[in-house]
Amino acid sequence: MAGMERFTQRARRVLSLAHQEAEQSRNNNIGTEHLLLGLMDEEGGVAGRVLRELGMTSDRVREVIRRVTTSSSSFDPNRVELASETQQVLEHAVDEARRLGHHYIGTEHILLGLVRVDSTAMEVLRRLGVTAEQIRRQTRRVLNESASSPTPAGGSLARGSAATGAKTPLVDQLATDLTTKAE
C-alpha cells in the first residue's frame, strides 16, 4: 500500500468515513460533502476540533447536505469513486502539508484543501455561516497550540497495509496518485 504512509491514521479514517457516507447516501461519487462529514466524524483530529469550535455538528451538516444534494437513482455500491472535486481537495491537502513544512498529511491538511475548492462542502459551510477564512484562521490557531506536541496533530502516521481496510480499495488506488504528485 505504498503512498499512504504520509497520511495519518486519522486522515485515512476520514477517507474511509467519506466512502461510507457516499454509500449510505446511495451516491456513486465520494463528494466533498462526504469528506466534510468524514472530517466531522473523526472527532480526534484537528479538523473535527476546528469544525466543532466553529459551531458545526454532524447533525447540522447532514441536514444541510440533504437539502442541497440528491442521491443517484442508479447507485452501484461496487462503483463508488472519488468525485473530481474530492480529488482536487486531496491534491490541495498534499500541497497544504508541504506549504506548512509537515512531512505528514493530517485531517487539518484535508480541511485546508477542502476550503480551496468551490464545492458542495463549501456551500454547506456557507449555509451554516462558516467561511473559508474562518476555517483557515481557526486551523492555524489549533496547529499553533499543538506545535509542541511530539506527534503529528492528526494522529500517528499510518504504517503498512495492516492499517487499511478492505472496504477502501478506492483510497488505496488514490494513495499512489497523491504520493506521485507530492514527490
N, C-alpha and C. Protein backbone atom coordinates (compact mmCIF):
# COMPACT_ATOMS: atom_id res chain seq x y z
N MET A 1 0.83 -1.19 0.00
CA MET A 1 0.00 0.00 0.00
C MET A 1 0.87 1.25 0.00
N ALA A 2 1.82 1.26 -0.84
CA ALA A 2 2.72 2.41 -0.95
C ALA A 2 1.92 3.67 -1.23
N GLY A 3 2.29 4.74 -0.57
CA GLY A 3 1.64 6.01 -0.83
C GLY A 3 0.87 6.58 0.33
N MET A 4 0.34 5.76 1.18
CA MET A 4 -0.46 6.27 2.28
C MET A 4 0.36 6.51 3.53
N GLU A 5 1.65 6.22 3.49
CA GLU A 5 2.44 6.36 4.71
C GLU A 5 2.50 7.80 5.20
N ARG A 6 2.31 8.77 4.33
CA ARG A 6 2.32 10.17 4.76
C ARG A 6 1.00 10.59 5.39
N PHE A 7 -0.07 9.84 5.15
CA PHE A 7 -1.36 10.16 5.75
C PHE A 7 -1.40 9.62 7.17
N THR A 8 -1.87 10.45 8.09
CA THR A 8 -2.02 9.98 9.46
C THR A 8 -3.15 8.96 9.51
N GLN A 9 -3.19 8.21 10.60
CA GLN A 9 -4.29 7.25 10.79
C GLN A 9 -5.63 7.97 10.73
N ARG A 10 -5.69 9.14 11.36
CA ARG A 10 -6.95 9.89 11.37
C ARG A 10 -7.34 10.35 9.97
N ALA A 11 -6.39 10.79 9.17
CA ALA A 11 -6.68 11.23 7.80
C ALA A 11 -7.19 10.05 6.97
N ARG A 12 -6.58 8.89 7.18
CA ARG A 12 -7.04 7.70 6.46
C ARG A 12 -8.44 7.32 6.89
N ARG A 13 -8.71 7.48 8.17
CA ARG A 13 -10.06 7.18 8.66
C ARG A 13 -11.08 8.14 8.04
N VAL A 14 -10.71 9.40 7.87
CA VAL A 14 -11.61 10.37 7.23
C VAL A 14 -11.98 9.88 5.83
N LEU A 15 -11.01 9.40 5.07
CA LEU A 15 -11.27 8.91 3.72
C LEU A 15 -12.19 7.70 3.74
N SER A 16 -11.99 6.83 4.71
CA SER A 16 -12.85 5.66 4.85
C SER A 16 -14.27 6.07 5.24
N LEU A 17 -14.38 7.02 6.16
CA LEU A 17 -15.70 7.51 6.58
C LEU A 17 -16.42 8.20 5.41
N ALA A 18 -15.68 8.93 4.60
CA ALA A 18 -16.27 9.60 3.43
C ALA A 18 -16.83 8.57 2.46
N HIS A 19 -16.08 7.49 2.27
CA HIS A 19 -16.53 6.40 1.40
C HIS A 19 -17.84 5.81 1.94
N GLN A 20 -17.88 5.57 3.24
CA GLN A 20 -19.09 5.03 3.87
C GLN A 20 -20.26 5.99 3.74
N GLU A 21 -20.00 7.29 3.90
CA GLU A 21 -21.07 8.30 3.77
C GLU A 21 -21.65 8.28 2.36
N ALA A 22 -20.79 8.17 1.35
CA ALA A 22 -21.26 8.12 -0.03
C ALA A 22 -22.15 6.90 -0.24
N GLU A 23 -21.72 5.75 0.27
CA GLU A 23 -22.52 4.54 0.14
C GLU A 23 -23.86 4.68 0.85
N GLN A 24 -23.84 5.21 2.08
CA GLN A 24 -25.07 5.36 2.85
C GLN A 24 -26.05 6.33 2.19
N SER A 25 -25.52 7.32 1.49
CA SER A 25 -26.40 8.27 0.81
C SER A 25 -26.72 7.81 -0.62
N ARG A 26 -26.30 6.58 -0.94
CA ARG A 26 -26.56 5.97 -2.23
C ARG A 26 -26.04 6.83 -3.38
N ASN A 27 -24.79 7.24 -3.23
CA ASN A 27 -24.15 8.09 -4.22
C ASN A 27 -22.91 7.38 -4.75
N ASN A 28 -22.78 7.32 -6.05
CA ASN A 28 -21.62 6.66 -6.66
C ASN A 28 -20.35 7.49 -6.60
N ASN A 29 -20.48 8.75 -6.27
CA ASN A 29 -19.32 9.63 -6.15
C ASN A 29 -19.09 10.03 -4.71
N ILE A 30 -17.84 9.93 -4.27
CA ILE A 30 -17.47 10.43 -2.95
C ILE A 30 -17.24 11.92 -3.14
N GLY A 31 -18.22 12.69 -2.72
CA GLY A 31 -18.16 14.14 -2.91
C GLY A 31 -17.49 14.84 -1.75
N THR A 32 -17.26 16.12 -1.94
CA THR A 32 -16.65 16.91 -0.87
C THR A 32 -17.53 16.95 0.36
N GLU A 33 -18.83 16.84 0.16
CA GLU A 33 -19.75 16.81 1.30
C GLU A 33 -19.52 15.57 2.15
N HIS A 34 -19.18 14.45 1.51
CA HIS A 34 -18.88 13.22 2.25
C HIS A 34 -17.55 13.36 2.99
N LEU A 35 -16.61 14.04 2.36
CA LEU A 35 -15.33 14.32 3.01
C LEU A 35 -15.54 15.21 4.23
N LEU A 36 -16.41 16.21 4.11
CA LEU A 36 -16.73 17.09 5.23
C LEU A 36 -17.31 16.28 6.39
N LEU A 37 -18.23 15.38 6.09
CA LEU A 37 -18.80 14.53 7.15
C LEU A 37 -17.73 13.63 7.76
N GLY A 38 -16.84 13.11 6.94
CA GLY A 38 -15.74 12.29 7.46
C GLY A 38 -14.88 13.09 8.42
N LEU A 39 -14.59 14.34 8.07
CA LEU A 39 -13.80 15.21 8.95
C LEU A 39 -14.54 15.47 10.26
N MET A 40 -15.85 15.66 10.17
CA MET A 40 -16.65 15.89 11.38
C MET A 40 -16.67 14.65 12.27
N ASP A 41 -16.82 13.49 11.65
CA ASP A 41 -16.99 12.26 12.41
C ASP A 41 -15.69 11.70 12.97
N GLU A 42 -14.55 12.13 12.45
CA GLU A 42 -13.25 11.74 13.02
C GLU A 42 -12.95 12.77 14.10
N GLU A 43 -13.53 12.55 15.26
CA GLU A 43 -13.56 13.55 16.32
C GLU A 43 -12.20 13.88 16.93
N GLY A 44 -11.25 12.96 16.85
CA GLY A 44 -9.96 13.20 17.47
C GLY A 44 -9.01 14.04 16.65
N GLY A 45 -9.35 14.29 15.39
CA GLY A 45 -8.46 15.04 14.51
C GLY A 45 -8.57 16.54 14.69
N VAL A 46 -7.57 17.23 14.19
CA VAL A 46 -7.55 18.70 14.25
C VAL A 46 -8.76 19.26 13.51
N ALA A 47 -9.09 18.73 12.34
CA ALA A 47 -10.20 19.26 11.55
C ALA A 47 -11.52 19.16 12.30
N GLY A 48 -11.78 18.02 12.92
CA GLY A 48 -13.02 17.87 13.69
C GLY A 48 -13.10 18.89 14.80
N ARG A 49 -11.97 19.10 15.48
CA ARG A 49 -11.93 20.10 16.56
C ARG A 49 -12.21 21.50 16.01
N VAL A 50 -11.57 21.84 14.90
CA VAL A 50 -11.77 23.16 14.28
C VAL A 50 -13.24 23.36 13.93
N LEU A 51 -13.83 22.38 13.27
CA LEU A 51 -15.22 22.50 12.85
C LEU A 51 -16.17 22.61 14.04
N ARG A 52 -15.91 21.82 15.09
CA ARG A 52 -16.76 21.91 16.29
C ARG A 52 -16.61 23.27 16.96
N GLU A 53 -15.37 23.78 17.02
CA GLU A 53 -15.16 25.09 17.64
C GLU A 53 -15.84 26.20 16.85
N LEU A 54 -16.11 25.95 15.57
CA LEU A 54 -16.83 26.93 14.75
C LEU A 54 -18.34 26.69 14.78
N GLY A 55 -18.78 25.80 15.67
CA GLY A 55 -20.21 25.57 15.88
C GLY A 55 -20.84 24.49 15.03
N MET A 56 -20.04 23.72 14.31
CA MET A 56 -20.58 22.67 13.46
C MET A 56 -20.89 21.41 14.27
N THR A 57 -21.94 20.72 13.87
CA THR A 57 -22.23 19.39 14.39
C THR A 57 -22.53 18.49 13.19
N SER A 58 -22.30 17.21 13.34
CA SER A 58 -22.57 16.28 12.24
C SER A 58 -24.04 16.34 11.83
N ASP A 59 -24.93 16.45 12.82
CA ASP A 59 -26.36 16.50 12.51
C ASP A 59 -26.71 17.72 11.66
N ARG A 60 -26.18 18.88 12.03
CA ARG A 60 -26.47 20.11 11.27
C ARG A 60 -25.91 20.00 9.86
N VAL A 61 -24.69 19.47 9.74
CA VAL A 61 -24.07 19.33 8.43
C VAL A 61 -24.88 18.36 7.57
N ARG A 62 -25.28 17.22 8.13
CA ARG A 62 -26.08 16.24 7.38
C ARG A 62 -27.40 16.85 6.91
N GLU A 63 -28.03 17.63 7.77
CA GLU A 63 -29.31 18.25 7.43
C GLU A 63 -29.16 19.16 6.21
N VAL A 64 -28.13 19.99 6.20
CA VAL A 64 -27.92 20.89 5.06
C VAL A 64 -27.54 20.10 3.82
N ILE A 65 -26.73 19.08 3.97
CA ILE A 65 -26.34 18.24 2.82
C ILE A 65 -27.58 17.63 2.18
N ARG A 66 -28.51 17.15 3.00
CA ARG A 66 -29.74 16.57 2.46
C ARG A 66 -30.52 17.59 1.63
N ARG A 67 -30.46 18.85 2.04
CA ARG A 67 -31.19 19.89 1.32
C ARG A 67 -30.53 20.28 0.00
N VAL A 68 -29.22 20.17 -0.09
CA VAL A 68 -28.52 20.66 -1.28
C VAL A 68 -28.09 19.56 -2.25
N THR A 69 -28.29 18.30 -1.90
CA THR A 69 -27.86 17.21 -2.79
C THR A 69 -29.00 16.24 -3.06
N THR A 70 -28.79 15.38 -4.04
CA THR A 70 -29.72 14.29 -4.34
C THR A 70 -28.92 13.00 -4.44
N SER A 71 -29.60 11.88 -4.21
CA SER A 71 -28.90 10.59 -4.35
C SER A 71 -29.10 10.08 -5.78
N SER A 72 -28.20 9.22 -6.18
CA SER A 72 -28.23 8.67 -7.53
C SER A 72 -29.30 7.60 -7.64
N SER A 73 -30.06 7.64 -8.72
CA SER A 73 -31.08 6.60 -8.92
C SER A 73 -30.45 5.31 -9.42
N SER A 74 -29.24 5.37 -9.92
CA SER A 74 -28.57 4.17 -10.43
C SER A 74 -27.37 3.81 -9.55
N PHE A 75 -27.56 3.84 -8.26
CA PHE A 75 -26.48 3.57 -7.32
C PHE A 75 -25.97 2.14 -7.46
N ASP A 76 -24.66 1.99 -7.53
CA ASP A 76 -23.99 0.69 -7.58
C ASP A 76 -22.88 0.72 -6.54
N PRO A 77 -23.04 0.00 -5.41
CA PRO A 77 -22.05 0.04 -4.34
C PRO A 77 -20.66 -0.44 -4.77
N ASN A 78 -20.57 -1.14 -5.88
CA ASN A 78 -19.27 -1.60 -6.36
C ASN A 78 -18.57 -0.57 -7.24
N ARG A 79 -19.23 0.55 -7.49
CA ARG A 79 -18.67 1.57 -8.38
C ARG A 79 -18.60 2.94 -7.70
N VAL A 80 -18.31 2.96 -6.43
CA VAL A 80 -18.17 4.22 -5.71
C VAL A 80 -16.75 4.74 -5.94
N GLU A 81 -16.65 5.98 -6.45
CA GLU A 81 -15.33 6.54 -6.74
C GLU A 81 -15.28 8.01 -6.36
N LEU A 82 -14.09 8.54 -6.33
CA LEU A 82 -13.90 9.93 -5.95
C LEU A 82 -14.43 10.87 -7.02
N ALA A 83 -15.18 11.88 -6.58
CA ALA A 83 -15.59 12.94 -7.49
C ALA A 83 -14.35 13.77 -7.82
N SER A 84 -14.37 14.44 -8.95
CA SER A 84 -13.20 15.23 -9.35
C SER A 84 -12.89 16.32 -8.33
N GLU A 85 -13.92 16.93 -7.74
CA GLU A 85 -13.69 17.95 -6.71
C GLU A 85 -12.98 17.36 -5.50
N THR A 86 -13.32 16.14 -5.14
CA THR A 86 -12.69 15.48 -4.00
C THR A 86 -11.23 15.18 -4.31
N GLN A 87 -10.95 14.77 -5.52
CA GLN A 87 -9.56 14.57 -5.93
C GLN A 87 -8.77 15.87 -5.82
N GLN A 88 -9.39 16.97 -6.24
CA GLN A 88 -8.73 18.28 -6.12
C GLN A 88 -8.44 18.61 -4.67
N VAL A 89 -9.41 18.34 -3.79
CA VAL A 89 -9.23 18.62 -2.36
C VAL A 89 -8.02 17.86 -1.84
N LEU A 90 -7.91 16.59 -2.18
CA LEU A 90 -6.80 15.78 -1.68
C LEU A 90 -5.46 16.22 -2.26
N GLU A 91 -5.47 16.66 -3.50
CA GLU A 91 -4.25 17.23 -4.08
C GLU A 91 -3.85 18.50 -3.33
N HIS A 92 -4.84 19.32 -3.02
CA HIS A 92 -4.57 20.54 -2.25
C HIS A 92 -4.09 20.20 -0.84
N ALA A 93 -4.60 19.11 -0.26
CA ALA A 93 -4.16 18.69 1.08
C ALA A 93 -2.66 18.38 1.08
N VAL A 94 -2.21 17.69 0.04
CA VAL A 94 -0.78 17.40 -0.09
C VAL A 94 0.00 18.71 -0.17
N ASP A 95 -0.51 19.64 -0.95
CA ASP A 95 0.14 20.95 -1.10
C ASP A 95 0.15 21.72 0.22
N GLU A 96 -0.95 21.68 0.96
CA GLU A 96 -1.03 22.37 2.25
C GLU A 96 0.00 21.81 3.23
N ALA A 97 0.14 20.50 3.26
CA ALA A 97 1.13 19.89 4.15
C ALA A 97 2.53 20.36 3.77
N ARG A 98 2.81 20.38 2.48
CA ARG A 98 4.12 20.83 2.00
C ARG A 98 4.35 22.30 2.37
N ARG A 99 3.35 23.14 2.17
CA ARG A 99 3.48 24.57 2.47
C ARG A 99 3.72 24.82 3.95
N LEU A 100 3.14 23.97 4.79
CA LEU A 100 3.33 24.12 6.24
C LEU A 100 4.61 23.44 6.73
N GLY A 101 5.32 22.78 5.83
CA GLY A 101 6.55 22.10 6.21
C GLY A 101 6.31 20.81 6.97
N HIS A 102 5.13 20.23 6.81
CA HIS A 102 4.81 18.98 7.50
C HIS A 102 5.15 17.80 6.61
N HIS A 103 5.66 16.75 7.23
CA HIS A 103 6.02 15.54 6.49
C HIS A 103 4.90 14.51 6.53
N TYR A 104 3.76 14.92 7.03
CA TYR A 104 2.58 14.05 7.11
C TYR A 104 1.40 14.81 6.54
N ILE A 105 0.34 14.08 6.22
CA ILE A 105 -0.90 14.69 5.77
C ILE A 105 -1.96 14.31 6.78
N GLY A 106 -2.43 15.29 7.52
CA GLY A 106 -3.42 15.06 8.57
C GLY A 106 -4.78 15.61 8.19
N THR A 107 -5.71 15.47 9.11
CA THR A 107 -7.06 15.96 8.87
C THR A 107 -7.07 17.46 8.63
N GLU A 108 -6.15 18.17 9.29
CA GLU A 108 -6.07 19.62 9.11
C GLU A 108 -5.71 19.98 7.68
N HIS A 109 -4.87 19.18 7.04
CA HIS A 109 -4.48 19.46 5.66
C HIS A 109 -5.64 19.18 4.71
N ILE A 110 -6.41 18.13 5.01
CA ILE A 110 -7.59 17.84 4.20
C ILE A 110 -8.59 18.99 4.32
N LEU A 111 -8.79 19.48 5.54
CA LEU A 111 -9.71 20.60 5.75
C LEU A 111 -9.23 21.85 5.01
N LEU A 112 -7.95 22.15 5.10
CA LEU A 112 -7.40 23.30 4.38
C LEU A 112 -7.52 23.12 2.87
N GLY A 113 -7.36 21.90 2.40
CA GLY A 113 -7.56 21.61 0.97
C GLY A 113 -9.02 21.78 0.58
N LEU A 114 -9.91 21.40 1.48
CA LEU A 114 -11.35 21.50 1.22
C LEU A 114 -11.78 22.94 0.97
N VAL A 115 -11.24 23.87 1.74
CA VAL A 115 -11.68 25.26 1.60
C VAL A 115 -11.08 25.94 0.37
N ARG A 116 -10.18 25.27 -0.32
CA ARG A 116 -9.59 25.83 -1.55
C ARG A 116 -10.41 25.48 -2.79
N VAL A 117 -11.41 24.63 -2.65
CA VAL A 117 -12.21 24.19 -3.80
C VAL A 117 -13.65 24.66 -3.60
N ASP A 118 -14.19 25.37 -4.59
CA ASP A 118 -15.59 25.78 -4.52
C ASP A 118 -16.43 24.54 -4.81
N SER A 119 -17.09 24.03 -3.78
CA SER A 119 -17.71 22.72 -3.88
C SER A 119 -18.99 22.66 -3.04
N THR A 120 -19.61 21.50 -3.07
CA THR A 120 -20.81 21.28 -2.25
C THR A 120 -20.49 21.48 -0.78
N ALA A 121 -19.35 21.00 -0.34
CA ALA A 121 -18.98 21.16 1.08
C ALA A 121 -18.89 22.63 1.45
N MET A 122 -18.31 23.44 0.58
CA MET A 122 -18.21 24.87 0.88
C MET A 122 -19.59 25.52 0.88
N GLU A 123 -20.48 25.08 0.01
CA GLU A 123 -21.86 25.59 0.03
C GLU A 123 -22.53 25.24 1.35
N VAL A 124 -22.32 24.03 1.83
CA VAL A 124 -22.87 23.60 3.12
C VAL A 124 -22.33 24.49 4.23
N LEU A 125 -21.02 24.70 4.24
CA LEU A 125 -20.41 25.54 5.28
C LEU A 125 -20.93 26.97 5.21
N ARG A 126 -21.06 27.51 3.99
CA ARG A 126 -21.60 28.87 3.84
C ARG A 126 -23.01 28.97 4.40
N ARG A 127 -23.83 27.97 4.11
CA ARG A 127 -25.21 27.98 4.62
C ARG A 127 -25.25 27.89 6.14
N LEU A 128 -24.20 27.33 6.71
CA LEU A 128 -24.12 27.24 8.17
C LEU A 128 -23.37 28.43 8.77
N GLY A 129 -23.03 29.40 7.92
CA GLY A 129 -22.42 30.63 8.40
C GLY A 129 -20.93 30.57 8.65
N VAL A 130 -20.25 29.62 8.03
CA VAL A 130 -18.80 29.47 8.23
C VAL A 130 -18.09 29.78 6.91
N THR A 131 -17.06 30.61 6.98
CA THR A 131 -16.30 30.98 5.78
C THR A 131 -14.98 30.23 5.71
N ALA A 132 -14.41 30.23 4.53
CA ALA A 132 -13.10 29.60 4.33
C ALA A 132 -12.05 30.28 5.20
N GLU A 133 -12.12 31.59 5.30
CA GLU A 133 -11.13 32.33 6.10
C GLU A 133 -11.24 31.97 7.59
N GLN A 134 -12.46 31.79 8.09
CA GLN A 134 -12.63 31.37 9.49
C GLN A 134 -11.97 30.02 9.72
N ILE A 135 -12.15 29.12 8.77
CA ILE A 135 -11.56 27.78 8.90
C ILE A 135 -10.04 27.87 8.87
N ARG A 136 -9.50 28.66 7.96
CA ARG A 136 -8.04 28.82 7.89
C ARG A 136 -7.48 29.38 9.21
N ARG A 137 -8.13 30.44 9.70
CA ARG A 137 -7.66 31.08 10.93
C ARG A 137 -7.72 30.12 12.12
N GLN A 138 -8.86 29.45 12.26
CA GLN A 138 -9.04 28.53 13.38
C GLN A 138 -8.06 27.36 13.29
N THR A 139 -7.82 26.87 12.09
CA THR A 139 -6.87 25.76 11.91
C THR A 139 -5.47 26.20 12.31
N ARG A 140 -5.06 27.39 11.88
CA ARG A 140 -3.74 27.92 12.27
C ARG A 140 -3.63 28.03 13.79
N ARG A 141 -4.70 28.51 14.42
CA ARG A 141 -4.69 28.67 15.87
C ARG A 141 -4.51 27.31 16.56
N VAL A 142 -5.28 26.32 16.14
CA VAL A 142 -5.20 24.99 16.75
C VAL A 142 -3.82 24.37 16.49
N LEU A 143 -3.28 24.54 15.29
CA LEU A 143 -1.95 24.00 14.99
C LEU A 143 -0.88 24.68 15.83
N ASN A 144 -1.00 25.97 16.02
CA ASN A 144 -0.03 26.69 16.86
C ASN A 144 -0.09 26.21 18.30
N GLU A 145 -1.30 25.92 18.79
CA GLU A 145 -1.46 25.40 20.16
C GLU A 145 -0.79 24.05 20.32
N SER A 146 -0.87 23.22 19.29
CA SER A 146 -0.34 21.86 19.40
C SER A 146 1.07 21.73 18.81
N ALA A 147 1.71 22.86 18.50
CA ALA A 147 3.04 22.83 17.88
C ALA A 147 4.08 22.13 18.75
N SER A 148 3.90 22.14 20.05
CA SER A 148 4.87 21.49 20.93
C SER A 148 4.64 19.99 21.08
N SER A 149 3.57 19.48 20.46
CA SER A 149 3.25 18.06 20.52
C SER A 149 4.30 17.24 19.77
N PRO A 150 4.78 16.11 20.34
CA PRO A 150 5.81 15.31 19.68
C PRO A 150 5.31 14.50 18.48
N THR A 151 3.98 14.29 18.36
CA THR A 151 3.45 13.53 17.22
C THR A 151 2.63 14.47 16.36
N PRO A 152 2.37 14.09 15.12
CA PRO A 152 1.56 14.94 14.26
C PRO A 152 0.21 15.23 14.90
N ALA A 153 -0.29 16.42 14.71
CA ALA A 153 -1.56 16.83 15.31
C ALA A 153 -2.71 15.94 14.87
N GLY A 154 -2.61 15.32 13.72
CA GLY A 154 -3.68 14.49 13.20
C GLY A 154 -3.60 13.05 13.66
N GLY A 155 -2.65 12.70 14.49
CA GLY A 155 -2.52 11.32 14.96
C GLY A 155 -1.28 10.68 14.39
N SER A 156 -1.06 9.44 14.75
CA SER A 156 0.15 8.75 14.33
C SER A 156 0.14 8.49 12.83
N LEU A 157 1.32 8.38 12.25
CA LEU A 157 1.42 8.09 10.83
C LEU A 157 1.01 6.66 10.56
N ALA A 158 0.38 6.45 9.41
CA ALA A 158 -0.03 5.11 9.02
C ALA A 158 1.20 4.30 8.64
N ARG A 159 1.20 3.03 9.00
CA ARG A 159 2.33 2.16 8.67
C ARG A 159 1.80 0.87 8.05
N GLY A 160 2.25 0.58 6.86
CA GLY A 160 1.96 -0.70 6.24
C GLY A 160 0.51 -0.90 5.86
N SER A 161 0.23 -2.06 5.28
CA SER A 161 -1.11 -2.33 4.78
C SER A 161 -2.06 -2.80 5.86
N ALA A 162 -1.56 -3.14 7.03
CA ALA A 162 -2.45 -3.60 8.10
C ALA A 162 -3.40 -2.50 8.52
N ALA A 163 -3.03 -1.25 8.31
CA ALA A 163 -3.87 -0.14 8.72
C ALA A 163 -5.03 0.10 7.76
N THR A 164 -5.02 -0.53 6.61
CA THR A 164 -6.09 -0.28 5.65
C THR A 164 -7.15 -1.35 5.76
N GLY A 165 -8.38 -0.96 5.48
CA GLY A 165 -9.47 -1.90 5.48
C GLY A 165 -9.76 -2.34 4.06
N ALA A 166 -10.31 -3.50 3.92
CA ALA A 166 -10.66 -4.00 2.60
C ALA A 166 -11.78 -3.19 1.98
N LYS A 167 -12.46 -2.37 2.79
CA LYS A 167 -13.58 -1.59 2.28
C LYS A 167 -13.14 -0.31 1.59
N THR A 168 -11.83 -0.06 1.49
CA THR A 168 -11.38 1.20 0.90
C THR A 168 -10.44 1.01 -0.28
N PRO A 169 -10.78 0.17 -1.24
CA PRO A 169 -9.87 -0.01 -2.37
C PRO A 169 -9.67 1.29 -3.15
N LEU A 170 -10.67 2.13 -3.16
CA LEU A 170 -10.55 3.40 -3.86
C LEU A 170 -9.50 4.28 -3.20
N VAL A 171 -9.49 4.30 -1.89
CA VAL A 171 -8.48 5.07 -1.17
C VAL A 171 -7.10 4.50 -1.47
N ASP A 172 -7.00 3.18 -1.50
CA ASP A 172 -5.72 2.54 -1.83
C ASP A 172 -5.24 2.98 -3.21
N GLN A 173 -6.14 3.02 -4.15
CA GLN A 173 -5.79 3.42 -5.51
C GLN A 173 -5.37 4.88 -5.55
N LEU A 174 -6.08 5.74 -4.84
CA LEU A 174 -5.78 7.16 -4.82
C LEU A 174 -4.43 7.45 -4.20
N ALA A 175 -4.09 6.71 -3.18
CA ALA A 175 -2.86 6.97 -2.43
C ALA A 175 -1.64 7.03 -3.33
N THR A 176 -1.53 6.14 -4.24
CA THR A 176 -0.38 6.14 -5.14
C THR A 176 -0.32 7.42 -5.94
N ASP A 177 -1.46 7.87 -6.43
CA ASP A 177 -1.50 9.10 -7.21
C ASP A 177 -1.04 10.29 -6.39
N LEU A 178 -1.49 10.41 -5.15
CA LEU A 178 -1.11 11.54 -4.31
C LEU A 178 0.38 11.52 -3.99
N THR A 179 0.92 10.38 -3.75
CA THR A 179 2.34 10.30 -3.44
C THR A 179 3.16 10.73 -4.65
N THR A 180 2.76 10.29 -5.81
CA THR A 180 3.46 10.69 -7.02
C THR A 180 3.43 12.21 -7.18
N LYS A 181 2.28 12.81 -6.92
CA LYS A 181 2.15 14.26 -7.04
C LYS A 181 2.97 14.98 -5.97
N ALA A 182 3.08 14.39 -4.79
CA ALA A 182 3.79 15.04 -3.68
C ALA A 182 5.30 15.04 -3.90
N GLU A 183 5.82 14.08 -4.64
CA GLU A 183 7.27 13.97 -4.84
C GLU A 183 7.75 14.88 -5.86
